[in-house]
Every structure is written in C-alpha cells, then in structure tokens.
Amino acid sequence: MNVFYQGEIGGPQELFDQLVRGNIDLFLGWPQTSYDERLGVLTLPYLTLGWDEALDAYGKGGWISETIDPILSDIGLEYLGPFPEGFGGIATADTYATNYEDAQGIKLRSQPIFPLPQTIQAMGFQAVPIDWSEVYTSIQTGVVDGDSSNVIYWDYTYFNDLLDYFVHSKHNFSFYTFLMNQDAWDALDEEDRGIIADAVEVVINEQFENAKAEDEKWIQQAQEDGMEYIEPSDEEMKDWIERVRETVWVEAEESLGEDVMSAVREHASEPK
C-alpha cells in the first residue's frame, strides 16, 4: 500500500475525483457533494449532540451511515466509516455570544460549504465565507471577529494570539471518512475485505476515544493560555438548535431530498 499525505497528489476535490475514477483505491478525507448533493447531509447542523450519540449515528450500521451508504454506492464508493475530530464551536476576539440576540452584529468566518454559512446566520451571527488560508489576516484586520465550526484545536493553535473566547456551540460534528473505490473493494476476496473493514473499525473506535480526550486536552490548554472557554446553557443550546433546524433543515430539503430529511428528522438527537 502506497500512502500519500495531505495535498501531496492534489486537493480535496481532485483526490475525490481520482477516488471515483479508480486512480486512488482508499481515501481518508471529506466526500465532495459535486457528484451528489445529498452528501450534504454530512454537514447538516445539530444532527447529534454528544459523543455517544455521534458514535452510534456515524459508525458502521448507524443511521447516518445507512443514509449515505446507498448515495455513495450510486457514485461507485464503499463507505467504511468515520474518523472524528469533535464538535465545532465559535472562537472570537473582544466579544462573544451564547444566544441569538447577543450574536447580532458579530461577523464570523465560515467555511464556504453549504450549509455552514447558513447555520451561522441562523444562529444570529453574520457569516462571511472565507478560505482557511485567509482566516488569520481576516481576523487580524477586522474583516471578521472570529472563526466558526472548527474544534478548539485549530482556533487555539493558529489564532490564539488574536482570539479571546471559544463558545462550544457544537453545531457541527467534524470528521473525515474512510472510503474505498467500489471496483477496488469488489476485486478483493471476502477475507481481505474483512481485514480492511475490521482494521477500520478498530481505528474508528480508538479515534472516538482519542478524539474526545484530545479535544478535552486542547480545551484545557487553551484556557491555561488565556482563552476563555464557554458552554452555552441548556436553554441557550435548545434555542439555537430549534432556530437552526427550523431554517437550515428546511432549506436543505431541496438539495437533500425528502427521503434523506425524513431519516434526519426521525433519528436526530433531541435537545435536553
């Protein structure tokens, strides 16, 4: 097995294209929606609200896996499971918000991927879609007041000198996916497929444990270095969840389809 890291042989879209074409056999990354917009369900906000629920939903056999399995199969891919980072939040300088009203007027960088900007808007912030390479300068020059939808590791590691607060809104669950080209998968005998599937399952289970511990480590490290870590109250979280689901989920139905959204509404976690 030859392993290529990061952008060594291309960017995310190019790598996904090569996977679909069969030039790459196995892929750990983010599935692109260019082949089927229904894959946007993976970035839909507030699907799960805790680590145990996320493992159940995203793991092999979980309801999210069962929802995207046929979609990925239609474009020639075998879904083997998720590789999680954790729940994203909102990192800001000078000011912060834990509710819709206080969020008014705060400009946040958002990844330019549907429905993340729409989610930030529904929470009351002003979303400004900006690529990762321009985030530091944008915060430094005041184009935006902070970053959104990343786990605390990224905001602390790259922008700690600029940002003062991290509100753990948990509106998105950040993860990568193990995918294999369907023809390459089918070409393996049953024993070899079992070996790969079992190995992925071991890595997934370890990563869910490690990711949670890693996230908690960086939360503590950020606080020790002066970044204030804030968890919204149950009432504030419930209000954000309801606002986002009432707007973003409805908007997403056009691209995701009724069947996908029916599964989402049936299985998504309920707020406390």
Protein backbone atom coordinates (compact mmCIF):
# COMPACT_ATOMS: atom_id res chain seq x y z
CA MET A 1 0.00 0.00 0.00
CA ASN A 2 1.39 3.39 -1.03
CA VAL A 3 0.27 6.24 1.23
CA PHE A 4 0.11 9.90 0.12
CA TYR A 5 -0.39 12.63 2.72
CA GLN A 6 -2.26 15.92 2.73
CA GLY A 7 -2.03 17.69 -0.65
CA GLU A 8 0.82 15.54 -1.95
CA ILE A 9 -1.15 14.40 -5.01
CA GLY A 10 -3.91 17.01 -5.09
CA GLY A 11 -6.54 18.94 -3.18
CA PRO A 12 -9.75 17.55 -1.65
CA GLN A 13 -11.87 17.78 -4.81
CA GLU A 14 -9.15 16.39 -7.05
CA LEU A 15 -8.49 13.47 -4.71
CA PHE A 16 -12.19 12.67 -4.52
CA ASP A 17 -12.39 12.75 -8.33
CA GLN A 18 -9.47 10.32 -8.55
CA LEU A 19 -11.12 8.03 -6.00
CA VAL A 20 -14.35 7.89 -8.00
CA ARG A 21 -12.37 7.20 -11.20
CA GLY A 22 -10.43 4.40 -9.53
CA ASN A 23 -6.99 6.03 -9.71
CA ILE A 24 -6.97 6.03 -5.89
CA ASP A 25 -8.21 2.93 -4.05
CA LEU A 26 -8.62 4.03 -0.43
CA PHE A 27 -9.32 7.53 0.87
CA LEU A 28 -9.43 9.24 4.24
CA GLY A 29 -10.95 12.67 3.69
CA TRP A 30 -14.11 14.62 3.07
CA PRO A 31 -16.65 13.41 0.47
CA GLN A 32 -17.44 16.15 -2.02
CA THR A 33 -21.02 16.99 -2.99
CA SER A 34 -20.13 17.54 -6.66
CA TYR A 35 -21.36 14.06 -7.58
CA ASP A 36 -24.47 14.02 -5.42
CA GLU A 37 -25.82 16.94 -3.38
CA ARG A 38 -27.39 14.52 -0.91
CA LEU A 39 -23.94 14.05 0.63
CA GLY A 40 -24.52 17.50 2.13
CA VAL A 41 -26.32 15.66 4.93
CA LEU A 42 -22.87 15.08 6.44
CA THR A 43 -22.51 18.81 7.16
CA LEU A 44 -26.09 19.33 8.30
CA PRO A 45 -26.03 21.08 11.71
CA TYR A 46 -27.16 19.62 15.02
CA LEU A 47 -27.59 16.02 13.88
CA THR A 48 -26.02 14.68 17.07
CA LEU A 49 -25.39 16.46 20.35
CA GLY A 50 -22.94 14.23 22.23
CA TRP A 51 -20.06 11.81 21.68
CA ASP A 52 -22.01 8.61 22.38
CA GLU A 53 -24.79 9.67 20.01
CA ALA A 54 -22.23 10.58 17.34
CA LEU A 55 -20.58 7.14 17.55
CA ASP A 56 -23.94 5.44 17.22
CA ALA A 57 -25.02 7.62 14.31
CA TYR A 58 -21.81 7.82 12.26
CA GLY A 59 -20.45 4.34 12.97
CA LYS A 60 -20.91 1.46 10.55
CA GLY A 61 -24.54 0.44 10.91
CA GLY A 62 -25.56 3.79 12.41
CA TRP A 63 -28.42 5.75 10.92
CA ILE A 64 -26.20 8.32 9.18
CA SER A 65 -24.10 5.54 7.68
CA GLU A 66 -27.23 3.75 6.48
CA THR A 67 -28.46 7.03 4.94
CA ILE A 68 -25.29 7.77 2.97
CA ASP A 69 -24.35 4.16 2.07
CA PRO A 70 -26.66 3.98 -0.98
CA ILE A 71 -25.70 7.51 -2.06
CA LEU A 72 -22.01 6.65 -2.04
CA SER A 73 -22.74 3.32 -3.71
CA ASP A 74 -24.51 5.14 -6.55
CA ILE A 75 -21.28 7.01 -7.36
CA GLY A 76 -19.11 3.91 -7.02
CA LEU A 77 -17.79 4.14 -3.45
CA GLU A 78 -17.79 1.86 -0.42
CA TYR A 79 -18.25 3.70 2.91
CA LEU A 80 -16.13 2.12 5.64
CA GLY A 81 -16.71 4.58 8.48
CA PRO A 82 -15.90 7.99 10.04
CA PHE A 83 -12.69 9.41 11.53
CA PRO A 84 -13.89 12.05 14.01
CA GLU A 85 -12.30 15.27 15.28
CA GLY A 86 -15.06 16.55 17.54
CA PHE A 87 -17.75 19.17 17.89
CA GLY A 88 -17.09 22.61 16.45
CA GLY A 89 -17.63 25.95 18.10
CA ILE A 90 -17.27 29.71 17.73
CA ALA A 91 -13.99 31.49 18.53
CA THR A 92 -13.97 35.27 18.77
CA ALA A 93 -11.96 38.31 19.78
CA ASP A 94 -13.15 41.01 22.20
CA THR A 95 -16.76 39.82 22.36
CA TYR A 96 -18.76 36.60 22.30
CA ALA A 97 -22.34 35.36 22.20
CA THR A 98 -24.18 32.32 23.54
CA ASN A 99 -27.59 33.20 22.11
CA TYR A 100 -29.28 34.60 19.02
CA GLU A 101 -29.81 38.11 20.40
CA ASP A 102 -26.22 38.66 21.55
CA ALA A 103 -24.87 37.28 18.28
CA GLN A 104 -26.28 40.19 16.26
CA GLY A 105 -23.50 42.19 14.60
CA ILE A 106 -20.72 39.67 15.25
CA LYS A 107 -19.03 38.71 11.98
CA LEU A 108 -17.73 35.16 11.76
CA ARG A 109 -15.62 33.43 9.19
CA SER A 110 -17.35 30.33 7.87
CA GLN A 111 -16.13 27.57 5.60
CA PRO A 112 -17.65 28.22 2.17
CA ILE A 113 -19.57 24.92 2.20
CA PHE A 114 -23.35 24.61 2.39
CA PRO A 115 -24.89 24.68 4.94
CA LEU A 116 -22.23 26.06 7.31
CA PRO A 117 -22.66 29.77 6.42
CA GLN A 118 -26.42 29.33 6.60
CA THR A 119 -26.08 27.72 10.03
CA ILE A 120 -24.04 30.63 11.38
CA GLN A 121 -26.61 33.07 10.02
CA ALA A 122 -29.46 31.14 11.65
CA MET A 123 -27.64 31.37 14.99
CA GLY A 124 -27.72 35.17 14.70
CA PHE A 125 -24.17 35.89 13.53
CA GLN A 126 -23.11 37.43 10.25
CA ALA A 127 -21.42 34.69 8.23
CA VAL A 128 -18.51 35.60 5.97
CA PRO A 129 -17.34 32.66 3.81
CA ILE A 130 -13.52 32.70 3.71
CA ASP A 131 -10.97 30.04 2.75
CA TRP A 132 -8.69 28.75 5.51
CA SER A 133 -5.55 30.39 4.10
CA GLU A 134 -7.07 33.86 4.58
CA VAL A 135 -8.56 33.46 8.06
CA TYR A 136 -5.64 34.82 10.12
CA THR A 137 -5.37 38.04 8.10
CA SER A 138 -9.15 38.46 8.08
CA ILE A 139 -9.31 38.30 11.89
CA GLN A 140 -6.20 40.46 12.28
CA THR A 141 -7.57 43.23 10.04
CA GLY A 142 -11.09 43.12 11.45
CA VAL A 143 -12.80 41.75 8.36
CA VAL A 144 -14.30 39.21 10.76
CA ASP A 145 -14.48 39.00 14.56
CA GLY A 146 -13.60 35.32 14.68
CA ASP A 147 -13.80 31.82 13.27
CA SER A 148 -16.55 29.20 13.38
CA SER A 149 -17.26 25.47 13.03
CA ASN A 150 -13.78 24.22 13.97
CA VAL A 151 -12.79 22.23 17.03
CA ILE A 152 -10.85 24.32 19.54
CA TYR A 153 -7.51 22.81 18.49
CA TRP A 154 -7.46 24.75 15.20
CA ASP A 155 -8.53 28.10 16.66
CA TYR A 156 -6.15 27.83 19.59
CA THR A 157 -3.18 26.59 17.58
CA TYR A 158 -3.44 29.05 14.69
CA PHE A 159 -5.19 32.12 16.10
CA ASN A 160 -4.55 32.11 19.85
CA ASP A 161 -2.79 35.47 19.71
CA LEU A 162 -5.90 37.01 18.12
CA LEU A 163 -8.84 35.30 19.82
CA ASP A 164 -10.14 35.59 23.38
CA TYR A 165 -13.19 33.30 23.59
CA PHE A 166 -14.34 29.89 22.45
CA VAL A 167 -18.07 29.17 22.72
CA HIS A 168 -18.70 25.45 22.36
CA SER A 169 -21.92 25.64 20.36
CA LYS A 170 -21.45 22.08 18.99
CA HIS A 171 -23.47 22.95 15.91
CA ASN A 172 -21.39 20.68 13.67
CA PHE A 173 -19.58 17.41 14.15
CA SER A 174 -16.22 17.49 12.39
CA PHE A 175 -14.95 14.24 10.90
CA TYR A 176 -13.35 12.62 7.88
CA THR A 177 -14.49 9.43 6.14
CA PHE A 178 -12.82 6.17 5.13
CA LEU A 179 -13.93 5.47 1.56
CA MET A 180 -12.85 2.87 -0.98
CA ASN A 181 -13.41 2.72 -4.71
CA GLN A 182 -16.19 0.18 -5.22
CA ASP A 183 -14.40 -1.70 -8.01
CA ALA A 184 -11.25 -1.96 -5.91
CA TRP A 185 -13.33 -3.17 -2.96
CA ASP A 186 -15.19 -5.75 -5.05
CA ALA A 187 -11.90 -7.02 -6.50
CA LEU A 188 -10.77 -8.13 -3.04
CA ASP A 189 -11.75 -11.54 -1.78
CA GLU A 190 -14.02 -11.83 1.25
CA GLU A 191 -11.14 -12.42 3.68
CA ASP A 192 -9.24 -9.32 2.57
CA ARG A 193 -12.39 -7.17 2.71
CA GLY A 194 -12.90 -8.42 6.26
CA ILE A 195 -9.34 -7.48 7.21
CA ILE A 196 -9.77 -3.91 5.94
CA ALA A 197 -13.23 -3.49 7.47
CA ASP A 198 -12.05 -4.80 10.86
CA ALA A 199 -8.97 -2.56 10.81
CA VAL A 200 -11.09 0.49 10.02
CA GLU A 201 -13.49 -0.39 12.84
CA VAL A 202 -10.61 -0.62 15.33
CA VAL A 203 -9.24 2.76 14.19
CA ILE A 204 -12.70 4.35 14.34
CA ASN A 205 -13.37 3.15 17.89
CA GLU A 206 -9.91 4.25 19.03
CA GLN A 207 -10.31 7.62 17.35
CA PHE A 208 -13.65 8.29 19.02
CA GLU A 209 -11.95 7.76 22.38
CA ASN A 210 -8.78 9.62 21.37
CA ALA A 211 -10.62 12.50 19.71
CA LYS A 212 -12.68 13.16 22.82
CA ALA A 213 -9.58 13.08 25.03
CA GLU A 214 -7.64 15.18 22.51
CA ASP A 215 -10.40 17.78 22.37
CA GLU A 216 -10.54 17.98 26.17
CA LYS A 217 -6.75 18.36 26.27
CA TRP A 218 -6.84 21.35 23.94
CA ILE A 219 -9.77 22.89 25.80
CA GLN A 220 -7.65 22.82 28.95
CA GLN A 221 -4.52 24.05 27.15
CA ALA A 222 -6.40 26.96 25.60
CA GLN A 223 -7.78 28.00 28.98
CA GLU A 224 -4.35 27.83 30.58
CA ASP A 225 -3.05 30.18 27.87
CA GLY A 226 -5.80 32.72 28.43
CA MET A 227 -8.59 31.75 26.04
CA GLU A 228 -11.93 31.72 27.85
CA TYR A 229 -13.91 28.53 27.21
CA ILE A 230 -17.70 28.93 27.40
CA GLU A 231 -20.50 26.38 27.24
CA PRO A 232 -23.98 27.75 26.48
CA SER A 233 -26.71 26.84 28.94
CA ASP A 234 -29.18 24.07 28.09
CA GLU A 235 -31.80 26.74 27.35
CA GLU A 236 -29.47 28.63 25.01
CA MET A 237 -28.48 25.44 23.22
CA LYS A 238 -32.11 24.42 22.79
CA ASP A 239 -32.97 27.80 21.29
CA TRP A 240 -30.06 27.64 18.82
CA ILE A 241 -30.93 24.07 17.85
CA GLU A 242 -34.56 24.96 17.21
CA ARG A 243 -33.69 28.07 15.18
CA VAL A 244 -31.16 26.22 13.03
CA ARG A 245 -33.37 23.22 12.41
CA GLU A 246 -36.37 25.40 11.53
CA THR A 247 -34.41 27.32 8.90
CA VAL A 248 -31.37 25.38 7.66
CA TRP A 249 -33.03 21.97 7.65
CA VAL A 250 -35.95 23.33 5.64
CA GLU A 251 -33.58 24.99 3.17
CA ALA A 252 -31.54 21.80 2.88
CA GLU A 253 -34.51 19.66 1.93
CA GLU A 254 -34.44 20.92 -1.66
CA SER A 255 -30.95 19.53 -2.28
CA LEU A 256 -31.00 16.58 0.13
CA GLY A 257 -34.43 15.28 -0.78
CA GLU A 258 -37.43 14.16 1.21
CA ASP A 259 -36.10 10.66 1.95
CA VAL A 260 -32.84 11.91 3.47
CA MET A 261 -34.56 14.60 5.52
CA SER A 262 -37.16 12.10 6.77
CA ALA A 263 -34.32 9.96 8.13
CA VAL A 264 -32.74 13.05 9.70
CA ARG A 265 -35.94 14.11 11.45
CA GLU A 266 -36.59 10.59 12.67
CA HIS A 267 -33.17 9.93 14.14
CA ALA A 268 -31.53 13.27 15.03
CA SER A 269 -30.73 13.84 18.70
CA GLU A 270 -33.24 15.68 20.83
CA PRO A 271 -32.00 18.65 22.89
CA LYS A 272 -32.18 18.48 26.66
